[in-house]
Amino acid sequence: MNVTKEIQKIENSAVKLTATIAQADVESGYKSEFAKYAKNIQLPGFRKGHVPTKIIEQKYGEALKQEIIGGLIDQALNEILQADDAKDFRPLPYAQPRLDGDKMPELDLSKDFTFTVVYDVFPSVEVKNFSGITIKEPQVEIGDAEIEDELKSIQERNAAILDKKDDEPVEKDNIVTIDYKELNDDGSTVDGSTREGFVFTVGSGENIYKIDDEIIGMKKGDTKEITKTYAADDKDETLAGKTKKISVTVKAVKVRDLPAIDDDLAQDVSEKYSTLADLKADLKKQMESAKARKIAEVKSQSLLEQLVEKNPIDLPKSMIQAEQEARWRMLAQQFQTTPEQLEKMILSSGQSKADMIDQWTGNTEKMLKSRLIVDALLREKNISVTPEEVESQYQRIADEQGISVDEIKKHYDDPRNKEYLVDETKENKLYEELYKDVKVSKGDKMSFKELFAPRQ
């Protein structure tokens, strides 16, 4: 097929492709396809395959023409996009070409046939600007106080969970199981807001409506209608300045029976500990490793944020949408529900789907741009990982976890796990190389807990 093309780049990493099929190919293509249809058409008074052309065109002409046009367009696009020179303007797999305009182009067998499609392509990524980038490295010391905090966490994790008596009220730090639903002004249930068997620790604030204080004093089996007005500057934008009416039923109340922090606790944690001193020493080692990993993460995030700001990338809309849908499915799995049911729950609380995705997984556009920048730099600098470096990573992980290298290797027998390790090692090598081109200085002093606190 004799096809010529014209490519025009438009906003959001999309292109407009205009293709023209030569008149001779249009005519021969039309006749060839028409002949195929004619062989299989059967009308009263005519033998199959012997219906006159004029009658076929009168009865099916427009529908056949539209179908043949579609076939010509598909054939031309396939020829253009499979060509060797099409590398830079092939459509993204989730962004198929669509006709530009509302109408199918007209087919005139006496003329060339021209059509235009638009679609998203992979964005252009050029990382050239490193000027003015400064990386602040947090300064964190791990002392006795930090180890004591970690011991308290271990103490809580090893606590016995006991049922409170039915007539004993809910108190701070109790573990409660509740059923709840949001109510409209007329007392009816807000669609999608019902939740049964929700478990949380009173005082943690880890519930949608922040009703910790309101359920204190309730007992197992009690139902209470709570009306709560939230401050205009509440951190949760879906609640800020609003009044919510929530019906809550307490289904179970439990309390933690904390063990003493002593040698017995250390032995309960692991048989490799004989004394509390053994546990403390290993905790310090684990915390130092966790600190090093977190500081490396803080540095790389700071670097990428600045590179994203200094090196603009025009993201295609379909790429953003595909990423958000993937994250939404991941969130649904975490909440042990379906994507559709999760959306109903979120909309009923007044929150948008996009807001929740950003809240739980970070800003989609920024993270996509960061990933594109990393991939581009890995290719540009030809970063690779040797088998010896993989072995070194096995040893590092084994040392951190206090287990044998053979046990670590068993985990990485899974190709997906090994691929993740290799990719992570590549990225770390890339960052170390990039830090030579930017300024890295000492940052603020902070505690171990502050290092791991969520970023505002």
Protein backbone atom coordinates (compact mmCIF):
# COMPACT_ATOMS: atom_id res chain seq x y z
CA MET A 1 0.00 0.00 0.00
CA ASN A 2 1.33 3.44 -0.97
CA VAL A 3 0.89 5.54 2.20
CA THR A 4 2.41 8.89 3.12
CA LYS A 5 2.35 10.34 6.62
CA GLU A 6 2.68 13.60 8.50
CA ILE A 7 3.40 13.69 12.27
CA GLN A 8 2.51 16.70 14.41
CA LYS A 9 3.35 16.80 18.12
CA ILE A 10 0.63 18.26 20.34
CA GLU A 11 0.31 18.90 24.10
CA ASN A 12 0.49 16.22 26.81
CA SER A 13 2.89 14.03 24.80
CA ALA A 14 0.28 13.27 22.16
CA VAL A 15 0.68 13.29 18.39
CA LYS A 16 -1.59 13.95 15.44
CA LEU A 17 -0.84 11.54 12.60
CA THR A 18 -2.26 12.38 9.17
CA ALA A 19 -2.03 9.58 6.61
CA THR A 20 -2.84 9.61 2.93
CA ILE A 21 -3.49 6.43 0.91
CA ALA A 22 -2.89 6.73 -2.83
CA GLN A 23 -6.04 6.68 -5.01
CA ALA A 24 -5.03 3.51 -6.85
CA ASP A 25 -4.66 1.62 -3.56
CA VAL A 26 -7.95 3.03 -2.27
CA GLU A 27 -9.80 1.81 -5.36
CA SER A 28 -8.16 -1.62 -5.48
CA GLY A 29 -8.63 -2.06 -1.72
CA TYR A 30 -12.27 -1.14 -1.92
CA LYS A 31 -12.93 -3.50 -4.85
CA SER A 32 -11.04 -6.35 -3.18
CA GLU A 33 -12.96 -6.03 0.08
CA PHE A 34 -16.26 -5.51 -1.74
CA ALA A 35 -15.66 -8.72 -3.71
CA LYS A 36 -15.17 -10.66 -0.45
CA TYR A 37 -18.50 -9.43 0.89
CA ALA A 38 -20.28 -10.07 -2.41
CA LYS A 39 -19.27 -13.76 -2.34
CA ASN A 40 -21.15 -14.29 0.92
CA ILE A 41 -24.23 -12.13 0.40
CA GLN A 42 -27.45 -13.95 -0.40
CA LEU A 43 -30.72 -12.18 -1.28
CA PRO A 44 -34.10 -13.61 -2.32
CA GLY A 45 -34.15 -14.24 -6.06
CA PHE A 46 -30.38 -14.48 -6.40
CA ARG A 47 -27.89 -17.27 -5.91
CA LYS A 48 -25.30 -16.79 -3.17
CA GLY A 49 -22.39 -14.76 -4.53
CA HIS A 50 -24.28 -13.65 -7.64
CA VAL A 51 -26.08 -10.56 -6.36
CA PRO A 52 -25.44 -7.63 -8.77
CA THR A 53 -23.07 -4.96 -7.48
CA LYS A 54 -25.61 -2.15 -7.83
CA ILE A 55 -28.17 -3.99 -5.68
CA ILE A 56 -25.57 -4.70 -2.99
CA GLU A 57 -24.55 -1.05 -2.97
CA GLN A 58 -28.17 0.10 -2.78
CA LYS A 59 -28.96 -2.19 0.16
CA TYR A 60 -25.67 -2.30 2.07
CA GLY A 61 -23.56 0.40 0.43
CA GLU A 62 -23.12 2.85 3.33
CA ALA A 63 -22.53 0.18 5.98
CA LEU A 64 -20.07 -1.65 3.72
CA LYS A 65 -18.29 1.57 2.90
CA GLN A 66 -17.83 2.40 6.58
CA GLU A 67 -16.48 -1.08 7.30
CA ILE A 68 -14.11 -0.92 4.33
CA ILE A 69 -12.93 2.52 5.44
CA GLY A 70 -12.17 1.08 8.87
CA GLY A 71 -10.18 -1.72 7.25
CA LEU A 72 -8.18 0.72 5.10
CA ILE A 73 -7.38 2.85 8.15
CA ASP A 74 -6.28 -0.18 10.19
CA GLN A 75 -4.11 -1.45 7.35
CA ALA A 76 -2.48 1.94 6.79
CA LEU A 77 -1.83 2.49 10.52
CA ASN A 78 -0.35 -0.96 10.90
CA GLU A 79 2.00 -0.30 7.98
CA ILE A 80 3.06 3.11 9.34
CA LEU A 81 3.49 2.10 12.98
CA GLN A 82 5.37 -1.11 12.26
CA ALA A 83 7.95 0.66 10.13
CA ASP A 84 11.50 1.00 11.41
CA ASP A 85 11.26 4.79 11.59
CA ALA A 86 8.15 4.70 13.83
CA LYS A 87 10.03 4.18 17.10
CA ASP A 88 9.48 7.75 18.36
CA PHE A 89 5.78 8.03 17.55
CA ARG A 90 4.27 4.62 18.32
CA PRO A 91 1.19 4.80 20.56
CA LEU A 92 1.30 3.75 24.20
CA PRO A 93 -0.26 0.27 24.68
CA TYR A 94 -3.18 1.76 26.63
CA ALA A 95 -3.70 4.71 24.22
CA GLN A 96 -4.96 3.41 20.90
CA PRO A 97 -5.23 5.89 18.00
CA ARG A 98 -8.62 7.55 17.64
CA LEU A 99 -9.96 9.50 14.67
CA ASP A 100 -9.59 13.25 14.96
CA GLY A 101 -13.08 14.70 14.70
CA ASP A 102 -16.58 13.33 15.09
CA LYS A 103 -17.12 11.98 11.56
CA MET A 104 -15.57 9.17 9.57
CA PRO A 105 -13.64 10.65 6.63
CA GLU A 106 -15.37 10.53 3.24
CA LEU A 107 -14.34 7.80 0.78
CA ASP A 108 -14.10 8.86 -2.88
CA LEU A 109 -12.66 6.15 -5.13
CA SER A 110 -11.44 8.75 -7.57
CA LYS A 111 -9.23 10.51 -5.01
CA ASP A 112 -6.53 9.84 -2.45
CA PHE A 113 -7.96 8.93 0.95
CA THR A 114 -6.75 11.04 3.89
CA PHE A 115 -7.50 10.52 7.56
CA THR A 116 -6.10 11.88 10.85
CA VAL A 117 -5.74 10.12 14.18
CA VAL A 118 -4.52 11.35 17.57
CA TYR A 119 -2.96 9.29 20.33
CA ASP A 120 -0.53 9.45 23.26
CA VAL A 121 3.13 8.53 22.89
CA PHE A 122 5.93 7.91 25.36
CA PRO A 123 7.03 11.30 26.72
CA SER A 124 10.33 12.86 25.82
CA VAL A 125 12.69 12.70 28.82
CA GLU A 126 15.86 14.76 28.89
CA VAL A 127 17.71 15.13 32.19
CA LYS A 128 20.25 17.89 31.66
CA ASN A 129 19.76 20.44 34.44
CA PHE A 130 21.54 19.61 37.71
CA SER A 131 22.29 23.21 38.67
CA GLY A 132 21.63 24.38 42.21
CA ILE A 133 20.66 20.96 43.57
CA THR A 134 21.48 20.51 47.26
CA ILE A 135 20.84 17.33 49.23
CA LYS A 136 20.48 17.60 53.01
CA GLU A 137 21.49 14.41 54.84
CA PRO A 138 19.62 14.01 58.18
CA GLN A 139 21.82 13.62 61.26
CA VAL A 140 20.45 10.85 63.50
CA GLU A 141 21.98 9.25 66.61
CA ILE A 142 20.65 6.03 68.12
CA GLY A 143 21.07 5.99 71.90
CA ASP A 144 19.50 4.38 74.97
CA ALA A 145 16.26 6.36 74.69
CA GLU A 146 15.67 5.16 71.11
CA ILE A 147 16.32 1.56 72.09
CA GLU A 148 13.92 1.89 75.04
CA ASP A 149 11.20 3.15 72.67
CA GLU A 150 11.76 0.14 70.44
CA LEU A 151 11.59 -2.19 73.47
CA LYS A 152 8.22 -0.68 74.40
CA SER A 153 6.96 -1.42 70.89
CA ILE A 154 8.15 -5.03 71.25
CA GLN A 155 6.44 -5.18 74.64
CA GLU A 156 3.15 -4.10 73.07
CA ARG A 157 3.49 -6.60 70.21
CA ASN A 158 4.02 -9.40 72.72
CA ALA A 159 1.14 -8.40 74.98
CA ALA A 160 -1.63 -10.87 75.67
CA ILE A 161 -4.97 -9.64 74.29
CA LEU A 162 -7.71 -10.27 76.82
CA ASP A 163 -11.48 -9.71 76.60
CA LYS A 164 -12.86 -7.15 79.01
CA LYS A 165 -16.00 -8.01 80.93
CA ASP A 166 -19.24 -7.05 79.20
CA ASP A 167 -20.02 -4.40 81.83
CA GLU A 168 -16.57 -2.79 81.66
CA PRO A 169 -16.44 0.45 79.64
CA VAL A 170 -14.22 1.31 76.72
CA GLU A 171 -11.05 3.11 77.82
CA LYS A 172 -8.08 4.69 76.07
CA ASP A 173 -5.67 2.09 74.61
CA ASN A 174 -8.39 -0.58 74.53
CA ILE A 175 -8.74 -2.56 71.31
CA VAL A 176 -12.33 -2.27 70.10
CA THR A 177 -14.34 -3.88 67.32
CA ILE A 178 -17.17 -1.71 66.04
CA ASP A 179 -19.86 -1.60 63.37
CA TYR A 180 -20.53 1.89 62.05
CA LYS A 181 -22.42 3.80 59.38
CA GLU A 182 -22.87 7.45 58.50
CA LEU A 183 -26.38 8.86 58.68
CA ASN A 184 -28.18 11.47 56.61
CA ASP A 185 -30.14 14.26 58.32
CA ASP A 186 -33.31 12.15 58.12
CA GLY A 187 -31.60 9.21 59.86
CA SER A 188 -31.21 7.07 56.74
CA THR A 189 -27.88 5.40 55.99
CA VAL A 190 -25.44 7.14 53.63
CA ASP A 191 -24.88 4.77 50.72
CA GLY A 192 -21.63 2.85 50.90
CA SER A 193 -20.74 4.06 54.42
CA THR A 194 -21.59 0.88 56.35
CA ARG A 195 -18.62 -0.98 57.82
CA GLU A 196 -18.79 -4.07 60.05
CA GLY A 197 -16.12 -5.56 62.27
CA PHE A 198 -13.75 -2.57 62.14
CA VAL A 199 -10.91 -2.95 64.68
CA PHE A 200 -8.70 -0.18 66.07
CA THR A 201 -6.96 0.97 69.23
CA VAL A 202 -8.79 3.76 71.07
CA GLY A 203 -6.64 6.89 71.10
CA SER A 204 -4.74 6.02 67.94
CA GLY A 205 -7.05 8.07 65.71
CA GLU A 206 -6.86 5.30 63.13
CA ASN A 207 -10.49 5.47 62.08
CA ILE A 208 -12.16 7.53 59.36
CA TYR A 209 -14.32 9.72 61.61
CA LYS A 210 -11.84 10.16 64.53
CA ILE A 211 -14.40 9.05 67.10
CA ASP A 212 -11.95 7.75 69.74
CA ASP A 213 -13.12 10.11 72.51
CA GLU A 214 -16.79 9.64 71.65
CA ILE A 215 -16.81 5.86 72.22
CA ILE A 216 -14.95 6.01 75.55
CA GLY A 217 -17.40 4.86 78.22
CA MET A 218 -19.46 2.69 75.87
CA LYS A 219 -19.78 -1.02 76.66
CA LYS A 220 -20.00 -4.14 74.54
CA GLY A 221 -23.38 -4.22 72.78
CA ASP A 222 -24.00 -0.47 73.16
CA THR A 223 -25.14 1.56 70.15
CA LYS A 224 -24.60 5.29 70.07
CA GLU A 225 -25.44 8.01 67.58
CA ILE A 226 -22.55 10.46 67.43
CA THR A 227 -22.79 13.95 65.95
CA LYS A 228 -19.39 15.51 65.44
CA THR A 229 -18.34 18.82 63.95
CA TYR A 230 -14.81 19.02 62.59
CA ALA A 231 -12.55 22.07 62.70
CA ALA A 232 -12.28 24.14 59.55
CA ASP A 233 -8.53 23.48 59.49
CA ASP A 234 -8.80 19.72 60.05
CA LYS A 235 -5.98 17.89 58.24
CA ASP A 236 -8.56 15.65 56.55
CA GLU A 237 -10.04 17.88 53.84
CA THR A 238 -13.07 15.58 53.53
CA LEU A 239 -14.02 16.34 57.14
CA ALA A 240 -12.81 19.94 57.55
CA GLY A 241 -15.64 22.29 58.56
CA LYS A 242 -18.29 19.58 58.25
CA THR A 243 -20.71 17.97 60.70
CA LYS A 244 -21.12 14.19 60.51
CA LYS A 245 -23.69 11.95 62.14
CA ILE A 246 -22.40 8.40 62.78
CA SER A 247 -24.12 5.39 64.30
CA VAL A 248 -21.66 3.14 66.19
CA THR A 249 -22.19 -0.26 67.80
CA VAL A 250 -19.46 -1.75 70.01
CA LYS A 251 -19.06 -5.45 69.23
CA ALA A 252 -15.99 -6.31 71.36
CA VAL A 253 -13.62 -4.64 73.82
CA LYS A 254 -10.16 -6.02 74.56
CA VAL A 255 -7.19 -4.94 76.64
CA ARG A 256 -3.45 -5.56 76.32
CA ASP A 257 -1.70 -7.35 79.20
CA LEU A 258 1.88 -6.06 78.84
CA PRO A 259 4.79 -8.38 79.77
CA ALA A 260 7.78 -7.13 81.76
CA ILE A 261 10.79 -5.94 79.78
CA ASP A 262 13.31 -8.53 80.94
CA ASP A 263 15.26 -11.62 79.91
CA ASP A 264 12.04 -13.64 79.58
CA LEU A 265 10.69 -11.17 77.04
CA ALA A 266 13.94 -11.36 75.05
CA GLN A 267 13.69 -15.15 74.98
CA ASP A 268 10.06 -14.95 73.87
CA VAL A 269 11.05 -12.68 70.98
CA SER A 270 13.59 -15.18 69.64
CA GLU A 271 15.48 -18.21 70.78
CA LYS A 272 18.72 -16.54 69.63
CA TYR A 273 18.46 -14.14 72.62
CA SER A 274 19.46 -15.40 76.07
CA THR A 275 19.28 -12.05 77.83
CA LEU A 276 17.74 -8.63 77.49
CA ALA A 277 21.24 -7.31 76.73
CA ASP A 278 21.39 -9.61 73.66
CA LEU A 279 18.10 -8.24 72.41
CA LYS A 280 19.23 -4.63 72.95
CA ALA A 281 22.48 -5.19 71.05
CA ASP A 282 20.64 -6.72 68.10
CA LEU A 283 18.03 -3.95 68.17
CA LYS A 284 20.75 -1.32 67.88
CA LYS A 285 22.24 -3.16 64.91
CA GLN A 286 18.83 -3.42 63.19
CA MET A 287 18.05 0.23 63.89
CA GLU A 288 21.38 1.36 62.46
CA SER A 289 20.61 -0.59 59.27
CA ALA A 290 17.09 0.85 59.11
CA LYS A 291 18.50 4.34 59.68
CA ALA A 292 20.98 3.95 56.83
CA ARG A 293 18.24 2.75 54.45
CA LYS A 294 15.88 5.57 55.45
CA ILE A 295 18.53 8.27 55.06
CA ALA A 296 19.39 6.87 51.63
CA GLU A 297 15.67 7.04 50.75
CA VAL A 298 15.37 10.64 52.00
CA LYS A 299 18.41 11.67 49.94
CA SER A 300 17.20 9.97 46.75
CA GLN A 301 13.69 11.43 47.12
CA SER A 302 15.13 14.92 47.58
CA LEU A 303 17.33 14.46 44.53
CA LEU A 304 14.47 13.24 42.37
CA GLU A 305 12.09 15.98 43.52
CA GLN A 306 14.61 18.61 42.46
CA LEU A 307 15.36 16.87 39.16
CA VAL A 308 11.63 16.71 38.39
CA GLU A 309 11.30 20.42 39.09
CA LYS A 310 14.32 21.36 36.94
CA ASN A 311 13.66 18.97 34.04
CA PRO A 312 9.99 19.29 32.92
CA ILE A 313 8.26 16.24 31.46
CA ASP A 314 4.98 16.47 29.53
CA LEU A 315 3.06 13.44 30.76
CA PRO A 316 0.35 11.91 28.54
CA LYS A 317 -3.06 11.83 30.18
CA SER A 318 -3.51 8.12 29.44
CA MET A 319 -0.27 7.30 31.28
CA ILE A 320 -1.50 9.12 34.38
CA GLN A 321 -4.90 7.43 34.18
CA ALA A 322 -3.36 3.95 33.73
CA GLU A 323 -1.07 4.51 36.73
CA GLN A 324 -3.95 5.73 38.91
CA GLU A 325 -6.09 2.73 37.98
CA ALA A 326 -3.24 0.37 38.85
CA ARG A 327 -2.83 2.07 42.22
CA TRP A 328 -6.57 1.97 42.84
CA ARG A 329 -6.61 -1.80 42.29
CA MET A 330 -3.66 -2.10 44.68
CA LEU A 331 -5.50 -0.06 47.33
CA ALA A 332 -8.59 -2.25 46.95
CA GLN A 333 -6.45 -5.32 47.62
CA GLN A 334 -5.02 -3.67 50.74
CA PHE A 335 -8.52 -2.88 51.99
CA GLN A 336 -9.63 -6.42 51.06
CA THR A 337 -12.44 -5.22 48.83
CA THR A 338 -13.18 -4.62 45.16
CA PRO A 339 -12.20 -1.41 43.32
CA GLU A 340 -15.90 -0.67 42.76
CA GLN A 341 -16.85 -1.10 46.43
CA LEU A 342 -13.87 0.95 47.57
CA GLU A 343 -14.97 3.80 45.28
CA LYS A 344 -18.47 3.74 46.79
CA MET A 345 -17.02 3.91 50.31
CA ILE A 346 -14.72 6.82 49.46
CA LEU A 347 -17.34 8.85 47.59
CA SER A 348 -19.79 8.42 50.47
CA SER A 349 -17.23 9.93 52.87
CA GLY A 350 -16.91 13.01 50.64
CA GLN A 351 -13.40 12.17 49.48
CA SER A 352 -12.46 11.90 45.82
CA LYS A 353 -10.80 8.89 44.23
CA ALA A 354 -7.82 10.98 43.10
CA ASP A 355 -7.34 12.47 46.59
CA MET A 356 -7.28 9.04 48.20
CA ILE A 357 -4.76 7.72 45.66
CA ASP A 358 -2.44 10.65 46.41
CA GLN A 359 -2.98 10.29 50.16
CA TRP A 360 -2.12 6.59 50.26
CA THR A 361 0.40 6.21 47.45
CA GLY A 362 1.81 9.71 46.85
CA ASN A 363 1.31 12.17 44.02
CA THR A 364 0.89 10.14 40.84
CA GLU A 365 2.39 12.67 38.43
CA LYS A 366 5.47 13.35 40.55
CA MET A 367 6.15 9.65 41.06
CA LEU A 368 5.71 8.90 37.36
CA LYS A 369 8.12 11.69 36.43
CA SER A 370 10.64 10.44 39.00
CA ARG A 371 10.46 6.94 37.55
CA LEU A 372 10.91 8.22 34.00
CA ILE A 373 13.94 10.27 35.06
CA VAL A 374 15.55 7.29 36.80
CA ASP A 375 14.95 5.02 33.80
CA ALA A 376 16.39 7.63 31.43
CA LEU A 377 19.52 8.13 33.54
CA LEU A 378 20.05 4.39 33.97
CA ARG A 379 20.08 4.04 30.18
CA GLU A 380 22.17 7.15 29.60
CA LYS A 381 24.84 6.12 32.10
CA ASN A 382 24.60 2.44 31.18
CA ILE A 383 24.29 1.34 34.82
CA SER A 384 24.46 -2.43 35.25
CA VAL A 385 24.88 -4.93 38.08
CA THR A 386 27.42 -7.77 38.11
CA PRO A 387 26.83 -11.23 39.63
CA GLU A 388 29.42 -10.35 42.27
CA GLU A 389 27.43 -7.28 43.28
CA VAL A 390 24.29 -9.40 43.62
CA GLU A 391 26.20 -11.80 45.87
CA SER A 392 27.33 -8.83 47.94
CA GLN A 393 23.71 -7.76 48.35
CA TYR A 394 22.78 -11.27 49.52
CA GLN A 395 25.49 -11.06 52.18
CA ARG A 396 24.39 -7.58 53.29
CA ILE A 397 20.77 -8.66 53.70
CA ALA A 398 21.81 -11.83 55.54
CA ASP A 399 23.95 -9.81 57.96
CA GLU A 400 21.12 -7.34 58.60
CA GLN A 401 18.57 -10.06 59.25
CA GLY A 402 20.91 -12.34 61.17
CA ILE A 403 20.28 -15.37 58.96
CA SER A 404 22.38 -17.38 56.51
CA VAL A 405 23.12 -16.34 52.94
CA ASP A 406 21.57 -19.61 51.75
CA GLU A 407 18.26 -18.65 53.36
CA ILE A 408 18.37 -15.28 51.62
CA LYS A 409 19.11 -16.92 48.28
CA LYS A 410 16.06 -19.15 48.65
CA HIS A 411 13.90 -16.04 48.84
CA TYR A 412 15.51 -14.69 45.67
CA ASP A 413 14.97 -17.92 43.76
CA ASP A 414 11.73 -16.23 42.71
CA PRO A 415 12.70 -14.31 39.52
CA ARG A 416 10.46 -11.39 40.49
CA ASN A 417 12.22 -10.95 43.83
CA LYS A 418 15.63 -11.14 42.22
CA GLU A 419 14.62 -8.64 39.54
CA TYR A 420 13.49 -6.23 42.25
CA LEU A 421 16.84 -6.61 44.05
CA VAL A 422 18.80 -6.03 40.84
CA ASP A 423 16.72 -2.94 39.98
CA GLU A 424 17.18 -1.55 43.49
CA THR A 425 20.95 -2.12 43.29
CA LYS A 426 21.10 -0.38 39.92
CA GLU A 427 19.24 2.63 41.27
CA ASN A 428 21.49 2.88 44.32
CA LYS A 429 24.56 2.82 42.06
CA LEU A 430 22.97 5.56 39.96
CA TYR A 431 22.29 7.76 43.01
CA GLU A 432 25.85 7.41 44.26
CA GLU A 433 27.08 8.55 40.86
CA LEU A 434 24.65 11.46 40.73
CA TYR A 435 25.61 12.68 44.21
CA LYS A 436 29.03 13.51 42.76
CA ASP A 437 27.37 16.10 40.49
CA VAL A 438 25.33 17.86 43.21
CA LYS A 439 25.98 19.32 46.64
CA VAL A 440 25.44 16.96 49.59
CA SER A 441 25.60 18.60 53.03
CA LYS A 442 24.67 17.79 56.63
CA GLY A 443 21.02 18.29 57.39
CA ASP A 444 19.13 18.86 60.64
CA LYS A 445 19.63 16.71 63.71
CA MET A 446 16.58 14.57 64.43
CA SER A 447 15.53 11.55 66.45
CA PHE A 448 15.13 8.06 65.05
CA LYS A 449 11.36 8.45 65.41
CA GLU A 450 11.33 11.79 63.59
CA LEU A 451 13.34 10.25 60.73
CA PHE A 452 10.52 7.78 60.10
CA ALA A 453 7.64 10.20 60.69
CA PRO A 454 5.42 10.84 57.61
CA ARG A 455 6.55 13.82 55.56
CA GLN A 456 4.17 16.77 55.55
